[in-house]
Amino acid sequence: MRKKIVAGNWKMNLDYNEGLALFSEIINMFKDEATGQQHAVVCSPFIHLHSLVQLAKGYHNVGVGAQNAHQAEAGAYTGEISAKMVKSVGAGYVILGHSERRQYFGESNELLAKKTDTALAHDLTPIFCIGETLQEREANQHFDIIKSQLVEGIFHLDATQFGKLVIAYEPVWAIGTGVTASSDQAQEIHAFIRKEIAAKYNQQVANDTSILYGGSCNPKNAPELFAQPDIDGGLIGGASLKSRDFIDIVKVFN
């Protein structure tokens, strides 16, 4: 049975003390209010990772992740962080291929395939992001774009490796805009992704893959989105910076 996951992406927000204060609120609220088998994951800036891991000790269903990792094991890559470094502080997850990384840093499917391999080699769980822009959706290219991101980014993995991934669908046109894909639009894409996984591997692998929705998800729209059969949680941006909002989204799975 696939996991129900609510993953927060703090992006480039919060200084060190602000991050620790927010995460302390989150884990205490999670302990008091989360009653199901859902998993909460917080993907923070690198400066917070070690301390967040320490705070999360003893909380089986609370994970910590990075927002990126380099494809190389080590080397002369000033300013970069390796998967080994992320793992060494105790983090268990890493976001790869976020739309902002693709857009602002030119990350290609080919590059992300290498990053995925390196993350898996260090026993990190990639939260692998895919999704289309407004221009691509309006041109009715969204299914082709998503399929190419799957094929070129992660379909080189064998079934065992693939089973360690979490996928996040990001309608890029609904990130930071206040616009949200309707629950029907989101479900349509999630079902398409699961169908493609089944065609590549098998139905069991597809059934076991957690697919998160990552487009302006908030406490108000989360219940309708998460009620869809192929939506297994969310990759949460702005709402993850407010402990009450984040936990209210987590509690949809109570």
Protein backbone atom coordinates (compact mmCIF):
# COMPACT_ATOMS: atom_id res chain seq x y z
CA MET A 1 0.00 0.00 0.00
CA ARG A 2 1.45 3.34 -1.02
CA LYS A 3 2.31 5.99 1.53
CA LYS A 4 0.26 9.12 2.08
CA ILE A 5 2.82 11.93 2.18
CA VAL A 6 2.63 15.66 2.79
CA ALA A 7 6.02 17.19 1.97
CA GLY A 8 6.86 20.79 2.73
CA ASN A 9 9.27 22.71 0.50
CA TRP A 10 10.55 25.76 2.35
CA LYS A 11 12.45 26.95 -0.75
CA MET A 12 14.90 29.81 0.04
CA ASN A 13 13.12 30.99 3.17
CA LEU A 14 13.82 31.16 6.92
CA ASP A 15 17.10 31.80 8.65
CA TYR A 16 18.55 29.15 10.96
CA ASN A 17 16.61 30.06 14.11
CA GLU A 18 13.36 30.69 12.24
CA GLY A 19 13.60 27.26 10.64
CA LEU A 20 14.19 25.47 13.93
CA ALA A 21 11.29 27.30 15.55
CA LEU A 22 8.92 26.40 12.73
CA PHE A 23 9.97 22.76 12.64
CA SER A 24 9.59 22.47 16.42
CA GLU A 25 6.02 23.70 16.06
CA ILE A 26 5.37 21.26 13.22
CA ILE A 27 6.60 18.15 14.99
CA ASN A 28 4.80 19.01 18.23
CA MET A 29 1.55 19.60 16.37
CA PHE A 30 2.08 16.43 14.35
CA LYS A 31 2.53 14.45 17.57
CA ASP A 32 -0.63 15.91 19.09
CA GLU A 33 -2.93 16.00 16.08
CA ALA A 34 -1.94 13.47 13.41
CA THR A 35 -3.81 10.25 14.08
CA GLY A 36 -3.41 8.34 10.84
CA GLN A 37 -0.55 6.62 9.03
CA GLN A 38 0.38 9.69 7.00
CA HIS A 39 3.96 10.86 6.63
CA ALA A 40 5.12 14.46 6.94
CA VAL A 41 8.38 15.48 5.27
CA VAL A 42 10.06 18.88 5.51
CA CYS A 43 12.57 19.82 2.81
CA SER A 44 14.56 22.74 4.12
CA PRO A 45 17.55 24.82 3.05
CA PHE A 46 20.82 23.02 3.67
CA ILE A 47 21.66 25.08 6.77
CA HIS A 48 18.79 23.50 8.71
CA LEU A 49 19.17 19.84 7.79
CA HIS A 50 21.32 18.52 10.61
CA SER A 51 19.34 20.27 13.34
CA LEU A 52 15.98 19.26 11.88
CA VAL A 53 17.08 15.64 11.77
CA GLN A 54 17.98 15.84 15.46
CA LEU A 55 14.60 17.35 16.32
CA ALA A 56 12.79 14.67 14.31
CA LYS A 57 14.43 11.73 16.14
CA GLY A 58 11.78 9.49 17.62
CA TYR A 59 9.10 10.66 15.20
CA HIS A 60 8.75 7.66 12.89
CA ASN A 61 6.44 9.40 10.41
CA VAL A 62 8.30 12.73 10.18
CA GLY A 63 11.09 12.94 7.61
CA VAL A 64 13.62 15.57 6.61
CA GLY A 65 14.89 16.24 3.11
CA ALA A 66 17.05 18.54 1.01
CA GLN A 67 15.78 20.60 -1.89
CA ASN A 68 18.52 19.56 -4.30
CA ALA A 69 21.74 17.56 -4.59
CA HIS A 70 24.50 17.44 -7.17
CA GLN A 71 24.90 14.58 -9.62
CA ALA A 72 28.61 14.08 -8.90
CA GLU A 73 29.94 12.19 -5.91
CA ALA A 74 32.39 14.99 -5.06
CA GLY A 75 34.64 17.47 -6.78
CA ALA A 76 35.35 21.07 -7.72
CA TYR A 77 31.73 22.26 -7.74
CA THR A 78 31.83 25.37 -5.60
CA GLY A 79 28.58 26.04 -3.78
CA GLU A 80 27.07 22.62 -4.47
CA ILE A 81 26.03 19.85 -2.07
CA SER A 82 26.44 16.15 -2.75
CA ALA A 83 23.98 13.37 -2.03
CA LYS A 84 26.54 11.85 0.32
CA MET A 85 26.64 15.09 2.32
CA VAL A 86 22.84 15.19 2.55
CA LYS A 87 22.74 11.59 3.73
CA SER A 88 25.57 12.14 6.21
CA VAL A 89 23.46 14.52 8.31
CA GLY A 90 20.65 11.99 8.49
CA ALA A 91 18.23 13.36 5.92
CA GLY A 92 16.18 10.77 4.07
CA TYR A 93 14.70 12.68 1.13
CA VAL A 94 15.77 15.02 -1.64
CA ILE A 95 13.65 17.02 -4.08
CA LEU A 96 14.88 16.62 -7.65
CA GLY A 97 13.68 18.38 -10.78
CA HIS A 98 11.55 21.02 -9.13
CA SER A 99 10.12 23.35 -11.76
CA GLU A 100 12.18 26.23 -10.37
CA ARG A 101 15.37 24.21 -10.79
CA ARG A 102 14.35 23.33 -14.34
CA GLN A 103 13.43 26.93 -15.17
CA TYR A 104 16.06 29.00 -13.38
CA PHE A 105 19.01 26.61 -13.48
CA GLY A 106 18.34 24.86 -16.78
CA GLU A 107 18.16 21.35 -15.32
CA SER A 108 17.41 18.87 -18.09
CA ASN A 109 15.84 15.43 -17.93
CA GLU A 110 19.26 13.96 -18.73
CA LEU A 111 20.89 15.77 -15.81
CA LEU A 112 18.06 14.78 -13.49
CA ALA A 113 18.48 11.13 -14.45
CA LYS A 114 22.08 11.36 -13.19
CA LYS A 115 21.00 13.14 -10.02
CA THR A 116 18.43 10.43 -9.38
CA ASP A 117 21.04 7.70 -9.77
CA THR A 118 23.37 9.42 -7.32
CA ALA A 119 20.61 10.04 -4.77
CA LEU A 120 19.51 6.42 -4.88
CA ALA A 121 23.11 5.24 -4.55
CA HIS A 122 23.21 7.05 -1.21
CA ASP A 123 19.88 5.67 -0.03
CA LEU A 124 17.99 8.94 -0.36
CA THR A 125 14.36 8.95 -1.45
CA PRO A 126 14.02 11.30 -4.42
CA ILE A 127 10.85 13.36 -4.66
CA PHE A 128 11.00 13.63 -8.43
CA CYS A 129 9.06 16.57 -9.85
CA ILE A 130 7.40 16.67 -13.26
CA GLY A 131 4.88 19.01 -14.83
CA GLU A 132 3.96 21.31 -17.67
CA THR A 133 3.99 25.06 -18.18
CA LEU A 134 0.94 27.12 -19.09
CA GLN A 135 2.17 27.40 -22.68
CA GLU A 136 2.56 23.63 -22.94
CA ARG A 137 -0.88 22.99 -21.50
CA GLU A 138 -2.55 25.54 -23.77
CA ALA A 139 -0.82 23.85 -26.74
CA ASN A 140 -2.25 20.52 -25.55
CA GLN A 141 1.29 19.17 -25.07
CA HIS A 142 1.03 18.40 -21.38
CA PHE A 143 0.75 14.63 -21.71
CA ASP A 144 3.73 14.50 -24.08
CA ILE A 145 5.82 16.71 -21.79
CA ILE A 146 5.06 14.63 -18.73
CA LYS A 147 5.76 11.38 -20.54
CA SER A 148 9.12 12.67 -21.78
CA GLN A 149 10.05 13.77 -18.25
CA LEU A 150 9.25 10.27 -17.00
CA VAL A 151 11.00 8.43 -19.83
CA GLU A 152 14.14 10.58 -19.91
CA GLY A 153 14.37 11.25 -16.19
CA ILE A 154 13.50 8.05 -14.32
CA PHE A 155 12.32 5.24 -16.61
CA HIS A 156 15.92 4.03 -16.99
CA LEU A 157 15.63 2.64 -13.44
CA ASP A 158 14.79 -0.98 -12.80
CA ALA A 159 11.60 -1.78 -10.90
CA THR A 160 13.35 -2.09 -7.53
CA GLN A 161 15.06 1.27 -7.91
CA PHE A 162 11.89 2.91 -9.19
CA GLY A 163 10.01 1.63 -6.17
CA LYS A 164 12.12 3.90 -3.96
CA LEU A 165 10.88 7.09 -5.67
CA VAL A 166 8.13 9.51 -4.81
CA ILE A 167 6.75 11.51 -7.75
CA ALA A 168 5.35 15.02 -7.50
CA TYR A 169 3.20 16.47 -10.26
CA GLU A 170 3.60 20.23 -10.54
CA PRO A 171 1.30 22.11 -12.87
CA VAL A 172 3.85 24.90 -13.30
CA TRP A 173 1.08 27.34 -14.19
CA ALA A 174 -0.37 26.82 -10.69
CA ILE A 175 2.76 27.41 -8.59
CA GLY A 176 2.94 30.67 -6.68
CA THR A 177 0.13 32.10 -8.78
CA GLY A 178 -2.76 31.34 -6.46
CA VAL A 179 -4.30 29.36 -9.31
CA THR A 180 -4.90 25.70 -8.58
CA ALA A 181 -5.61 22.92 -10.99
CA SER A 182 -9.11 21.59 -10.41
CA SER A 183 -9.29 18.27 -8.62
CA ASP A 184 -10.43 16.71 -11.91
CA GLN A 185 -7.48 18.19 -13.80
CA ALA A 186 -5.06 16.99 -11.14
CA GLN A 187 -6.59 13.51 -11.01
CA GLU A 188 -6.44 13.22 -14.80
CA ILE A 189 -2.69 13.81 -14.79
CA HIS A 190 -2.03 11.62 -11.77
CA ALA A 191 -3.96 8.77 -13.39
CA PHE A 192 -1.97 9.29 -16.59
CA ILE A 193 1.31 9.11 -14.67
CA ARG A 194 0.24 5.90 -12.94
CA LYS A 195 -0.83 4.40 -16.25
CA GLU A 196 2.57 5.19 -17.78
CA ILE A 197 4.32 3.58 -14.80
CA ALA A 198 2.21 0.46 -15.19
CA ALA A 199 3.01 0.28 -18.90
CA LYS A 200 6.75 0.62 -18.21
CA TYR A 201 6.96 -1.70 -15.21
CA ASN A 202 3.76 -3.40 -14.03
CA GLN A 203 0.51 -2.57 -12.28
CA GLN A 204 1.88 -3.45 -8.84
CA VAL A 205 4.75 -0.97 -9.16
CA ALA A 206 2.27 1.65 -10.33
CA ASN A 207 -0.09 0.92 -7.43
CA ASP A 208 2.75 1.22 -4.92
CA THR A 209 4.09 4.58 -6.19
CA SER A 210 3.13 7.66 -4.19
CA ILE A 211 2.25 10.55 -6.50
CA LEU A 212 1.94 13.96 -4.85
CA TYR A 213 0.20 17.07 -6.11
CA GLY A 214 2.40 20.15 -6.08
CA GLY A 215 0.47 23.21 -7.17
CA SER A 216 -0.74 25.80 -4.65
CA CYS A 217 -2.16 23.20 -2.29
CA ASN A 218 -3.61 24.68 0.90
CA PRO A 219 -5.88 23.64 3.80
CA LYS A 220 -9.00 24.65 1.89
CA ASN A 221 -8.44 22.69 -1.32
CA ALA A 222 -6.44 19.76 0.10
CA PRO A 223 -9.49 17.67 1.14
CA GLU A 224 -10.96 17.70 -2.37
CA LEU A 225 -7.58 17.07 -4.01
CA PHE A 226 -6.57 14.27 -1.63
CA ALA A 227 -9.94 12.57 -2.07
CA GLN A 228 -8.99 11.75 -5.66
CA PRO A 229 -7.98 8.09 -6.09
CA ASP A 230 -4.55 8.76 -7.61
CA ILE A 231 -3.45 11.71 -5.46
CA ASP A 232 -1.43 10.48 -2.50
CA GLY A 233 -0.57 13.78 -0.84
CA GLY A 234 1.07 17.06 -1.67
CA LEU A 235 4.33 18.89 -2.19
CA ILE A 236 3.53 22.07 -0.30
CA GLY A 237 5.22 25.41 -0.85
CA GLY A 238 3.87 28.55 0.80
CA ALA A 239 1.55 26.73 3.20
CA SER A 240 4.51 24.76 4.61
CA LEU A 241 5.89 27.99 6.07
CA LYS A 242 2.95 28.19 8.48
CA SER A 243 2.78 25.35 10.99
CA ARG A 244 -1.00 25.54 11.38
CA ASP A 245 -1.63 25.40 7.63
CA PHE A 246 0.88 22.61 7.08
CA ILE A 247 -0.51 20.43 9.86
CA ASP A 248 -4.08 21.06 8.72
CA ILE A 249 -3.07 19.68 5.32
CA VAL A 250 -1.40 16.69 6.99
CA LYS A 251 -4.58 16.08 8.99
CA VAL A 252 -6.64 15.58 5.84
CA PHE A 253 -5.38 11.98 6.01
CA ASN A 254 -6.48 11.48 9.66
